[in-house]
Amino acid sequence: MDVSQRIDATRLRDFAKAVYASAGMPAADARLVADTIVQDDLLGHQSHGVLRLG
């Protein structure tokens, strides 16, 4: 059974940005890194995408 789900890219960017900011990363850097990892996923490069959030 396939249980894959799609998450809106904007919501995922906001979540990633919040994670990085809560870890003490400056807001501008958190926004840049979050945008980069979500964009990598959208381009099909999951090994460099949100997988790296942790």
PDB file of N, CA and C in Angstrom:
ATOM      1  N   MET A   1       0.838  -1.172   0.000  1.00  0.00           N
ATOM      2  CA  MET A   1       0.000   0.000   0.000  1.00  0.00           C
ATOM      3  C   MET A   1       0.886   1.239   0.000  1.00  0.00           C
ATOM      4  N   ASP A   2       0.595   2.182  -0.898  1.00  0.00           N
ATOM      5  CA  ASP A   2       1.337   3.431  -0.991  1.00  0.00           C
ATOM      6  C   ASP A   2       0.699   4.454  -0.059  1.00  0.00           C
ATOM      7  N   VAL A   3       1.464   4.945   0.899  1.00  0.00           N
ATOM      8  CA  VAL A   3       0.939   5.921   1.853  1.00  0.00           C
ATOM      9  C   VAL A   3       1.648   7.267   1.721  1.00  0.00           C
ATOM     10  N   SER A   4       2.214   7.538   0.558  1.00  0.00           N
ATOM     11  CA  SER A   4       2.912   8.803   0.375  1.00  0.00           C
ATOM     12  C   SER A   4       1.933   9.964   0.441  1.00  0.00           C
ATOM     13  N   GLN A   5       2.441  11.083   0.932  1.00  0.00           N
ATOM     14  CA  GLN A   5       1.638  12.294   1.046  1.00  0.00           C
ATOM     15  C   GLN A   5       2.411  13.448   0.435  1.00  0.00           C
ATOM     16  N   ARG A   6       1.682  14.432  -0.032  1.00  0.00           N
ATOM     17  CA  ARG A   6       2.308  15.655  -0.536  1.00  0.00           C
ATOM     18  C   ARG A   6       2.082  16.761   0.486  1.00  0.00           C
ATOM     19  N   ILE A   7       3.117  17.531   0.696  1.00  0.00           N
ATOM     20  CA  ILE A   7       3.055  18.658   1.619  1.00  0.00           C
ATOM     21  C   ILE A   7       3.343  19.916   0.820  1.00  0.00           C
ATOM     22  N   ASP A   8       2.542  20.929   1.014  1.00  0.00           N
ATOM     23  CA  ASP A   8       2.728  22.190   0.323  1.00  0.00           C
ATOM     24  C   ASP A   8       4.133  22.734   0.591  1.00  0.00           C
ATOM     25  N   ALA A   9       4.834  23.136  -0.464  1.00  0.00           N
ATOM     26  CA  ALA A   9       6.220  23.595  -0.342  1.00  0.00           C
ATOM     27  C   ALA A   9       6.350  24.803   0.582  1.00  0.00           C
ATOM     28  N   THR A  10       5.396  25.690   0.541  1.00  0.00           N
ATOM     29  CA  THR A  10       5.459  26.877   1.408  1.00  0.00           C
ATOM     30  C   THR A  10       5.363  26.486   2.872  1.00  0.00           C
ATOM     31  N   ARG A  11       4.462  25.576   3.177  1.00  0.00           N
ATOM     32  CA  ARG A  11       4.333  25.109   4.568  1.00  0.00           C
ATOM     33  C   ARG A  11       5.591  24.392   5.017  1.00  0.00           C
ATOM     34  N   LEU A  12       6.186  23.613   4.119  1.00  0.00           N
ATOM     35  CA  LEU A  12       7.411  22.888   4.462  1.00  0.00           C
ATOM     36  C   LEU A  12       8.563  23.864   4.689  1.00  0.00           C
ATOM     37  N   ARG A  13       8.664  24.901   3.860  1.00  0.00           N
ATOM     38  CA  ARG A  13       9.700  25.927   4.059  1.00  0.00           C
ATOM     39  C   ARG A  13       9.521  26.619   5.405  1.00  0.00           C
ATOM     40  N   ASP A  14       8.288  26.969   5.724  1.00  0.00           N
ATOM     41  CA  ASP A  14       8.008  27.635   7.005  1.00  0.00           C
ATOM     42  C   ASP A  14       8.394  26.745   8.177  1.00  0.00           C
ATOM     43  N   PHE A  15       8.076  25.460   8.069  1.00  0.00           N
ATOM     44  CA  PHE A  15       8.416  24.515   9.136  1.00  0.00           C
ATOM     45  C   PHE A  15       9.933  24.405   9.281  1.00  0.00           C
ATOM     46  N   ALA A  16      10.633  24.219   8.177  1.00  0.00           N
ATOM     47  CA  ALA A  16      12.089  24.079   8.228  1.00  0.00           C
ATOM     48  C   ALA A  16      12.729  25.344   8.788  1.00  0.00           C
ATOM     49  N   LYS A  17      12.233  26.491   8.351  1.00  0.00           N
ATOM     50  CA  LYS A  17      12.754  27.765   8.857  1.00  0.00           C
ATOM     51  C   LYS A  17      12.560  27.856  10.365  1.00  0.00           C
ATOM     52  N   ALA A  18      11.407  27.453  10.856  1.00  0.00           N
ATOM     53  CA  ALA A  18      11.123  27.490  12.294  1.00  0.00           C
ATOM     54  C   ALA A  18      12.040  26.547  13.061  1.00  0.00           C
ATOM     55  N   VAL A  19      12.323  25.384  12.488  1.00  0.00           N
ATOM     56  CA  VAL A  19      13.225  24.430  13.149  1.00  0.00           C
ATOM     57  C   VAL A  19      14.610  25.047  13.302  1.00  0.00           C
ATOM     58  N   TYR A  20      15.128  25.589  12.202  1.00  0.00           N
ATOM     59  CA  TYR A  20      16.464  26.189  12.261  1.00  0.00           C
ATOM     60  C   TYR A  20      16.502  27.400  13.185  1.00  0.00           C
ATOM     61  N   ALA A  21      15.495  28.235  13.133  1.00  0.00           N
ATOM     62  CA  ALA A  21      15.449  29.413  13.996  1.00  0.00           C
ATOM     63  C   ALA A  21      15.374  29.012  15.463  1.00  0.00           C
ATOM     64  N   SER A  22      14.617  27.958  15.770  1.00  0.00           N
ATOM     65  CA  SER A  22      14.503  27.525  17.164  1.00  0.00           C
ATOM     66  C   SER A  22      15.807  26.933  17.684  1.00  0.00           C
ATOM     67  N   ALA A  23      16.682  26.529  16.763  1.00  0.00           N
ATOM     68  CA  ALA A  23      17.997  26.015  17.154  1.00  0.00           C
ATOM     69  C   ALA A  23      19.020  27.141  17.279  1.00  0.00           C
ATOM     70  N   GLY A  24      18.572  28.389  17.039  1.00  0.00           N
ATOM     71  CA  GLY A  24      19.439  29.537  17.229  1.00  0.00           C
ATOM     72  C   GLY A  24      20.043  30.121  15.956  1.00  0.00           C
ATOM     73  N   MET A  25      19.656  29.603  14.803  1.00  0.00           N
ATOM     74  CA  MET A  25      20.172  30.138  13.548  1.00  0.00           C
ATOM     75  C   MET A  25      19.523  31.499  13.285  1.00  0.00           C
ATOM     76  N   PRO A  26      20.300  32.492  12.853  1.00  0.00           N
ATOM     77  CA  PRO A  26      19.697  33.787  12.515  1.00  0.00           C
ATOM     78  C   PRO A  26      18.588  33.628  11.469  1.00  0.00           C
ATOM     79  N   ALA A  27      17.572  34.469  11.560  1.00  0.00           N
ATOM     80  CA  ALA A  27      16.383  34.334  10.717  1.00  0.00           C
ATOM     81  C   ALA A  27      16.700  34.328   9.224  1.00  0.00           C
ATOM     82  N   ALA A  28      17.581  35.204   8.775  1.00  0.00           N
ATOM     83  CA  ALA A  28      17.906  35.258   7.345  1.00  0.00           C
ATOM     84  C   ALA A  28      18.576  33.964   6.888  1.00  0.00           C
ATOM     85  N   ASP A  29      19.449  33.427   7.714  1.00  0.00           N
ATOM     86  CA  ASP A  29      20.117  32.169   7.371  1.00  0.00           C
ATOM     87  C   ASP A  29      19.130  31.007   7.394  1.00  0.00           C
ATOM     88  N   ALA A  30      18.248  30.996   8.389  1.00  0.00           N
ATOM     89  CA  ALA A  30      17.246  29.939   8.487  1.00  0.00           C
ATOM     90  C   ALA A  30      16.348  29.933   7.259  1.00  0.00           C
ATOM     91  N   ARG A  31      15.969  31.120   6.795  1.00  0.00           N
ATOM     92  CA  ARG A  31      15.126  31.243   5.608  1.00  0.00           C
ATOM     93  C   ARG A  31      15.869  30.735   4.369  1.00  0.00           C
ATOM     94  N   LEU A  32      17.146  31.079   4.237  1.00  0.00           N
ATOM     95  CA  LEU A  32      17.934  30.656   3.082  1.00  0.00           C
ATOM     96  C   LEU A  32      18.129  29.138   3.056  1.00  0.00           C
ATOM     97  N   VAL A  33      18.484  28.555   4.188  1.00  0.00           N
ATOM     98  CA  VAL A  33      18.709  27.111   4.238  1.00  0.00           C
ATOM     99  C   VAL A  33      17.401  26.359   4.025  1.00  0.00           C
ATOM    100  N   ALA A  34      16.324  26.826   4.642  1.00  0.00           N
ATOM    101  CA  ALA A  34      15.027  26.173   4.464  1.00  0.00           C
ATOM    102  C   ALA A  34      14.609  26.205   3.001  1.00  0.00           C
ATOM    103  N   ASP A  35      14.782  27.346   2.357  1.00  0.00           N
ATOM    104  CA  ASP A  35      14.432  27.457   0.942  1.00  0.00           C
ATOM    105  C   ASP A  35      15.284  26.504   0.101  1.00  0.00           C
ATOM    106  N   THR A  36      16.554  26.414   0.424  1.00  0.00           N
ATOM    107  CA  THR A  36      17.467  25.562  -0.338  1.00  0.00           C
ATOM    108  C   THR A  36      17.105  24.089  -0.228  1.00  0.00           C
ATOM    109  N   ILE A  37      16.845  23.613   0.986  1.00  0.00           N
ATOM    110  CA  ILE A  37      16.566  22.177   1.125  1.00  0.00           C
ATOM    111  C   ILE A  37      15.219  21.792   0.527  1.00  0.00           C
ATOM    112  N   VAL A  38      14.233  22.685   0.629  1.00  0.00           N
ATOM    113  CA  VAL A  38      12.937  22.386   0.006  1.00  0.00           C
ATOM    114  C   VAL A  38      13.077  22.410  -1.511  1.00  0.00           C
ATOM    115  N   GLN A  39      13.823  23.373  -2.030  1.00  0.00           N
ATOM    116  CA  GLN A  39      14.040  23.442  -3.475  1.00  0.00           C
ATOM    117  C   GLN A  39      14.754  22.184  -3.972  1.00  0.00           C
ATOM    118  N   ASP A  40      15.730  21.689  -3.199  1.00  0.00           N
ATOM    119  CA  ASP A  40      16.422  20.456  -3.585  1.00  0.00           C
ATOM    120  C   ASP A  40      15.449  19.292  -3.692  1.00  0.00           C
ATOM    121  N   ASP A  41      14.526  19.184  -2.744  1.00  0.00           N
ATOM    122  CA  ASP A  41      13.515  18.126  -2.826  1.00  0.00           C
ATOM    123  C   ASP A  41      12.646  18.291  -4.071  1.00  0.00           C
ATOM    124  N   LEU A  42      12.241  19.519  -4.348  1.00  0.00           N
ATOM    125  CA  LEU A  42      11.387  19.767  -5.507  1.00  0.00           C
ATOM    126  C   LEU A  42      12.102  19.438  -6.817  1.00  0.00           C
ATOM    127  N   LEU A  43      13.419  19.565  -6.812  1.00  0.00           N
ATOM    128  CA  LEU A  43      14.205  19.249  -8.005  1.00  0.00           C
ATOM    129  C   LEU A  43      14.557  17.765  -8.101  1.00  0.00           C
ATOM    130  N   GLY A  44      14.173  16.996  -7.073  1.00  0.00           N
ATOM    131  CA  GLY A  44      14.413  15.561  -7.101  1.00  0.00           C
ATOM    132  C   GLY A  44      15.709  15.125  -6.453  1.00  0.00           C
ATOM    133  N   HIS A  45      16.335  16.021  -5.702  1.00  0.00           N
ATOM    134  CA  HIS A  45      17.596  15.700  -5.030  1.00  0.00           C
ATOM    135  C   HIS A  45      17.338  15.496  -3.537  1.00  0.00           C
ATOM    136  N   GLN A  46      16.585  14.456  -3.210  1.00  0.00           N
ATOM    137  CA  GLN A  46      16.189  14.237  -1.825  1.00  0.00           C
ATOM    138  C   GLN A  46      17.377  14.067  -0.881  1.00  0.00           C
ATOM    139  N   SER A  47      18.496  13.559  -1.385  1.00  0.00           N
ATOM    140  CA  SER A  47      19.664  13.359  -0.520  1.00  0.00           C
ATOM    141  C   SER A  47      20.224  14.684  -0.007  1.00  0.00           C
ATOM    142  N   HIS A  48      19.850  15.791  -0.635  1.00  0.00           N
ATOM    143  CA  HIS A  48      20.308  17.104  -0.196  1.00  0.00           C
ATOM    144  C   HIS A  48      19.129  17.981   0.230  1.00  0.00           C
ATOM    145  N   GLY A  49      17.987  17.363   0.435  1.00  0.00           N
ATOM    146  CA  GLY A  49      16.781  18.114   0.745  1.00  0.00           C
ATOM    147  C   GLY A  49      16.401  18.071   2.204  1.00  0.00           C
ATOM    148  N   VAL A  50      15.114  17.991   2.456  1.00  0.00           N
ATOM    149  CA  VAL A  50      14.557  18.051   3.807  1.00  0.00           C
ATOM    150  C   VAL A  50      15.056  16.896   4.673  1.00  0.00           C
ATOM    151  N   LEU A  51      15.533  15.843   4.032  1.00  0.00           N
ATOM    152  CA  LEU A  51      16.157  14.751   4.766  1.00  0.00           C
ATOM    153  C   LEU A  51      17.238  15.276   5.704  1.00  0.00           C
ATOM    154  N   ARG A  52      17.893  16.362   5.327  1.00  0.00           N
ATOM    155  CA  ARG A  52      18.984  16.947   6.105  1.00  0.00           C
ATOM    156  C   ARG A  52      18.496  17.854   7.240  1.00  0.00           C
ATOM    157  N   LEU A  53      17.216  18.049   7.353  1.00  0.00           N
ATOM    158  CA  LEU A  53      16.686  18.957   8.375  1.00  0.00           C
ATOM    159  C   LEU A  53      17.121  18.547   9.782  1.00  0.00           C
ATOM    160  N   GLY A  54      17.103  17.279  10.040  1.00  0.00           N
ATOM    161  CA  GLY A  54      17.488  16.786  11.371  1.00  0.00           C
ATOM    162  C   GLY A  54      18.924  17.060  11.691  1.00  0.00           C
TER     163      GLY A  54
END
